[in-house]
Amino acid sequence: MKKGFVVLVAILLLCSALPAYAKTEITLPGAYTQEQFKDLSRDLGLAISYVPLATAEPLGGVLPGLDLGIEVTGVQIDTKKVYWQTVEAVSGDKIPTTLPFPKLHLQVGLPVVPIDLGVVYSAVPGTNIKYMGGELKYSIFKGGVVWPALAVRGAYTKLSGVEDLDINTKSVDLSISKGILMFTPYAGYGRVWITSKENTNLPLQEEKISENKAFVGCKFTFFPLMNLVVEADFAEVNSYSARLNLHF
């Protein structure tokens, strides 16, 4: 356990250093059309939208609970689309078809009430993409030996680092989970609202986009104070995530 904690701290320090190596900047070209701006905003909005990586059960109980974790999300981007190719031409280097988002993620379960609060920070290595986000989850049913847990979540994320763009997302989802020995599979469905503005002199109007999003995942509790969560999110832009947590 002590060795695992040292490894976790080392990875956290590595992730915090990644933004310093940014090389490729996402910038809007002068001839960008409104339709291209909308498509790019949708892709980036879904890419930074909140990834739960958590079951429907509350973390807290009589005492508060806490999950402190490092995670990585691979977001699949279709860089063959014109709106990405144009951005790539301006930025210089090629943008990878799978954007890796290393993250620091903290979730706190309040005592007595079945409410969890969470915050996340991420920076994509090799780009100027960064974002922060937060969530509030309420467990409608805590679950038990027979019945599954059911929870509703509201979340918010905001893009930073990309000077040409101002993007934020708001999302709501409903999730269900049921523990089976050391495994707790879960699934959910929700809606993401994306607001995107350009910070250049281009004649581009603000875009407001809404997209459906579904996710499935599983939590593996292999030590009393450590767990691993994996998740797949499905929308117009798909992503796949893994998270290693210290649990207190």
Protein backbone atom coordinates (compact mmCIF):
# COMPACT_ATOMS: atom_id res chain seq x y z
CA MET A 1 0.00 0.00 0.00
CA LYS A 2 2.85 2.37 0.85
CA LYS A 3 4.50 1.63 -2.50
CA GLY A 4 1.20 2.27 -4.30
CA PHE A 5 0.87 5.64 -2.59
CA VAL A 6 4.39 6.64 -3.71
CA VAL A 7 3.59 5.67 -7.31
CA LEU A 8 0.35 7.65 -7.20
CA VAL A 9 2.12 10.78 -5.94
CA ALA A 10 4.79 10.42 -8.65
CA ILE A 11 2.15 10.23 -11.39
CA LEU A 12 0.34 13.25 -9.94
CA LEU A 13 3.55 15.28 -10.12
CA LEU A 14 4.13 14.14 -13.69
CA CYS A 15 0.62 15.12 -14.75
CA SER A 16 0.97 18.57 -13.17
CA ALA A 17 4.13 19.16 -15.21
CA LEU A 18 2.62 18.22 -18.59
CA PRO A 19 1.15 21.66 -19.46
CA ALA A 20 4.66 23.17 -19.53
CA TYR A 21 5.45 21.15 -22.66
CA ALA A 22 2.61 22.45 -24.81
CA LYS A 23 3.71 22.81 -28.47
CA THR A 24 0.61 22.90 -30.66
CA GLU A 25 -1.84 25.77 -30.21
CA ILE A 26 -5.47 25.55 -31.27
CA THR A 27 -6.16 28.74 -33.22
CA LEU A 28 -8.98 29.83 -35.52
CA PRO A 29 -7.99 30.62 -39.13
CA GLY A 30 -9.17 33.82 -40.80
CA ALA A 31 -11.47 32.04 -43.28
CA TYR A 32 -13.25 29.89 -40.67
CA THR A 33 -16.99 29.55 -41.42
CA GLN A 34 -19.86 29.53 -38.92
CA GLU A 35 -20.58 25.87 -39.66
CA GLN A 36 -16.94 24.90 -39.07
CA PHE A 37 -16.95 26.89 -35.82
CA LYS A 38 -20.08 25.04 -34.68
CA ASP A 39 -18.59 21.62 -35.48
CA LEU A 40 -15.30 22.43 -33.73
CA SER A 41 -17.20 23.77 -30.71
CA ARG A 42 -19.25 20.57 -30.51
CA ASP A 43 -16.16 18.35 -30.63
CA LEU A 44 -14.21 20.36 -28.06
CA GLY A 45 -17.28 20.79 -25.87
CA LEU A 46 -17.91 17.06 -25.72
CA ALA A 47 -14.18 16.43 -25.23
CA ILE A 48 -14.11 18.58 -22.08
CA SER A 49 -17.56 17.61 -20.80
CA TYR A 50 -17.61 16.03 -17.36
CA VAL A 51 -16.67 12.34 -17.16
CA PRO A 52 -18.23 10.86 -13.98
CA LEU A 53 -15.95 7.84 -13.43
CA ALA A 54 -18.01 7.06 -10.33
CA THR A 55 -20.85 4.79 -9.30
CA ALA A 56 -24.31 5.95 -8.21
CA GLU A 57 -23.65 5.09 -4.54
CA PRO A 58 -22.71 8.01 -2.27
CA LEU A 59 -19.11 8.15 -1.01
CA GLY A 60 -20.10 9.36 2.43
CA GLY A 61 -22.06 7.74 5.24
CA VAL A 62 -22.00 8.51 8.93
CA LEU A 63 -18.54 9.96 8.21
CA PRO A 64 -17.42 11.82 5.07
CA GLY A 65 -15.76 9.86 2.26
CA LEU A 66 -13.07 10.93 -0.19
CA ASP A 67 -11.68 9.65 -3.50
CA LEU A 68 -8.44 11.29 -4.67
CA GLY A 69 -7.37 10.03 -8.05
CA ILE A 70 -5.38 10.40 -11.22
CA GLU A 71 -7.06 9.51 -14.46
CA VAL A 72 -6.64 9.64 -18.20
CA THR A 73 -9.31 10.05 -20.86
CA GLY A 74 -8.70 9.29 -24.52
CA VAL A 75 -11.04 11.41 -26.70
CA GLN A 76 -11.48 10.23 -30.28
CA ILE A 77 -11.23 13.13 -32.75
CA ASP A 78 -11.90 12.80 -36.49
CA THR A 79 -9.01 14.98 -37.69
CA LYS A 80 -9.95 14.24 -41.33
CA LYS A 81 -12.84 16.70 -40.99
CA VAL A 82 -12.22 20.04 -42.71
CA TYR A 83 -12.73 22.07 -39.54
CA TRP A 84 -9.92 20.13 -37.80
CA GLN A 85 -7.58 20.09 -40.80
CA THR A 86 -7.83 23.88 -41.10
CA VAL A 87 -7.02 24.31 -37.40
CA GLU A 88 -4.07 21.93 -37.79
CA ALA A 89 -2.75 23.93 -40.75
CA VAL A 90 -2.76 27.11 -38.67
CA SER A 91 -1.33 25.55 -35.51
CA GLY A 92 1.53 23.85 -37.36
CA ASP A 93 1.79 20.37 -35.79
CA LYS A 94 -0.68 17.57 -36.33
CA ILE A 95 -3.37 17.10 -33.69
CA PRO A 96 -3.58 13.40 -32.66
CA THR A 97 -6.71 11.44 -33.55
CA THR A 98 -6.97 10.48 -29.88
CA LEU A 99 -6.51 13.42 -27.54
CA PRO A 100 -5.15 12.22 -24.15
CA PHE A 101 -6.53 14.13 -21.17
CA PRO A 102 -4.50 13.40 -18.00
CA LYS A 103 -6.49 14.62 -15.00
CA LEU A 104 -6.41 15.23 -11.28
CA HIS A 105 -9.79 14.31 -9.80
CA LEU A 106 -11.16 14.76 -6.28
CA GLN A 107 -14.58 13.67 -5.02
CA VAL A 108 -15.88 14.20 -1.50
CA GLY A 109 -18.94 12.47 -0.04
CA LEU A 110 -20.71 14.51 2.63
CA PRO A 111 -21.60 12.85 5.95
CA VAL A 112 -25.20 11.81 6.65
CA VAL A 113 -26.67 13.30 3.43
CA PRO A 114 -26.17 11.28 0.18
CA ILE A 115 -24.41 14.11 -1.70
CA ASP A 116 -21.01 13.99 -3.42
CA LEU A 117 -19.02 17.00 -4.62
CA GLY A 118 -16.24 16.72 -7.19
CA VAL A 119 -13.61 18.82 -8.97
CA VAL A 120 -11.33 17.95 -11.91
CA TYR A 121 -8.41 19.61 -13.71
CA SER A 122 -6.88 18.54 -17.01
CA ALA A 123 -4.30 19.68 -19.57
CA VAL A 124 -3.72 17.95 -22.91
CA PRO A 125 0.02 17.39 -23.50
CA GLY A 126 1.29 18.87 -26.74
CA THR A 127 -1.58 21.39 -27.03
CA ASN A 128 -2.87 24.52 -25.30
CA ILE A 129 -6.09 22.76 -24.23
CA LYS A 130 -6.81 22.88 -20.49
CA TYR A 131 -10.00 22.76 -18.50
CA MET A 132 -11.48 22.65 -15.01
CA GLY A 133 -14.82 21.31 -13.87
CA GLY A 134 -17.02 20.44 -10.94
CA GLU A 135 -20.00 18.25 -10.08
CA LEU A 136 -22.76 17.77 -7.55
CA LYS A 137 -24.24 14.27 -7.31
CA TYR A 138 -27.31 13.31 -5.27
CA SER A 139 -27.98 9.62 -4.65
CA ILE A 140 -31.75 9.21 -4.82
CA PHE A 141 -31.42 5.59 -3.66
CA LYS A 142 -28.27 4.47 -1.84
CA GLY A 143 -28.70 0.86 -2.93
CA GLY A 144 -28.44 -2.28 -0.84
CA VAL A 145 -28.15 -6.04 -0.94
CA VAL A 146 -30.98 -6.38 -3.48
CA TRP A 147 -31.70 -2.94 -4.88
CA PRO A 148 -29.33 -0.90 -7.06
CA ALA A 149 -28.31 2.68 -6.32
CA LEU A 150 -29.72 5.55 -8.39
CA ALA A 151 -28.21 9.04 -8.65
CA VAL A 152 -28.65 12.32 -10.48
CA ARG A 153 -25.66 14.55 -11.26
CA GLY A 154 -25.17 18.12 -12.40
CA ALA A 155 -21.75 19.22 -13.70
CA TYR A 156 -19.93 22.19 -15.24
CA THR A 157 -16.64 22.47 -17.14
CA LYS A 158 -14.78 25.41 -18.67
CA LEU A 159 -12.04 25.48 -21.31
CA SER A 160 -8.90 27.53 -20.70
CA GLY A 161 -5.56 27.96 -22.45
CA VAL A 162 -7.09 28.40 -25.93
CA GLU A 163 -7.06 32.18 -26.41
CA ASP A 164 -9.30 32.12 -29.50
CA LEU A 165 -12.12 30.18 -27.80
CA ASP A 166 -14.34 30.52 -24.76
CA ILE A 167 -16.20 27.23 -24.22
CA ASN A 168 -18.11 25.93 -21.23
CA THR A 169 -20.40 22.95 -20.73
CA LYS A 170 -23.27 22.16 -18.41
CA SER A 171 -24.54 18.61 -18.05
CA VAL A 172 -27.14 16.54 -16.22
CA ASP A 173 -27.25 12.75 -16.05
CA LEU A 174 -29.02 9.89 -14.32
CA SER A 175 -26.97 6.84 -13.34
CA ILE A 176 -27.55 3.40 -11.81
CA SER A 177 -25.11 0.95 -10.22
CA LYS A 178 -25.06 -2.31 -8.27
CA GLY A 179 -22.15 -3.77 -6.32
CA ILE A 180 -21.24 -7.44 -6.82
CA LEU A 181 -18.40 -8.52 -4.53
CA MET A 182 -15.40 -6.34 -5.49
CA PHE A 183 -17.05 -5.12 -8.73
CA THR A 184 -19.58 -2.32 -9.11
CA PRO A 185 -20.81 -1.91 -12.70
CA TYR A 186 -22.71 1.26 -13.54
CA ALA A 187 -24.39 3.02 -16.46
CA GLY A 188 -25.94 6.40 -17.13
CA TYR A 189 -27.53 8.72 -19.65
CA GLY A 190 -27.66 12.48 -19.81
CA ARG A 191 -27.55 15.74 -21.74
CA VAL A 192 -24.67 18.15 -22.38
CA TRP A 193 -25.21 21.84 -23.17
CA ILE A 194 -22.25 23.57 -24.85
CA THR A 195 -21.79 27.35 -25.09
CA SER A 196 -18.99 28.55 -27.36
CA LYS A 197 -17.73 32.06 -28.19
CA GLU A 198 -14.77 33.17 -30.30
CA ASN A 199 -12.30 35.70 -28.86
CA THR A 200 -10.97 36.94 -32.22
CA ASN A 201 -12.17 39.55 -34.70
CA LEU A 202 -13.78 36.91 -36.91
CA PRO A 203 -17.49 37.43 -37.71
CA LEU A 204 -18.55 34.28 -35.84
CA GLN A 205 -21.67 34.17 -33.72
CA GLU A 206 -21.99 32.42 -30.36
CA GLU A 207 -22.98 28.77 -30.62
CA LYS A 208 -25.30 26.98 -28.19
CA ILE A 209 -25.27 23.22 -28.76
CA SER A 210 -26.92 20.35 -26.90
CA GLU A 211 -25.95 16.68 -27.24
CA ASN A 212 -27.03 13.40 -25.67
CA LYS A 213 -24.42 11.34 -23.88
CA ALA A 214 -24.44 7.78 -22.51
CA PHE A 215 -21.82 6.02 -20.42
CA VAL A 216 -21.02 2.62 -18.92
CA GLY A 217 -18.31 1.72 -16.45
CA CYS A 218 -17.13 -0.46 -13.62
CA LYS A 219 -15.41 0.16 -10.30
CA PHE A 220 -12.92 -2.43 -9.02
CA THR A 221 -12.13 -2.30 -5.29
CA PHE A 222 -8.94 -4.34 -4.89
CA PHE A 223 -7.61 -2.79 -1.65
CA PRO A 224 -9.50 -1.25 1.28
CA LEU A 225 -8.00 2.16 0.47
CA MET A 226 -7.60 1.90 -3.31
CA ASN A 227 -9.86 1.34 -6.31
CA LEU A 228 -9.79 1.50 -10.10
CA VAL A 229 -12.64 2.83 -12.27
CA VAL A 230 -12.95 2.40 -16.05
CA GLU A 231 -15.59 4.06 -18.22
CA ALA A 232 -16.68 4.48 -21.84
CA ASP A 233 -18.68 7.57 -22.89
CA PHE A 234 -20.70 7.59 -26.11
CA ALA A 235 -21.80 10.71 -27.99
CA GLU A 236 -20.90 12.43 -31.28
CA VAL A 237 -17.39 12.32 -29.80
CA ASN A 238 -16.57 9.12 -27.91
CA SER A 239 -14.08 8.78 -25.06
CA TYR A 240 -12.57 6.05 -22.90
CA SER A 241 -11.27 6.64 -19.38
CA ALA A 242 -9.48 4.98 -16.46
CA ARG A 243 -9.02 6.36 -12.96
CA LEU A 244 -6.93 5.15 -9.99
CA ASN A 245 -8.18 6.35 -6.61
CA LEU A 246 -7.01 6.52 -3.05
CA HIS A 247 -10.11 6.17 -0.89
CA PHE A 248 -10.41 7.57 2.63
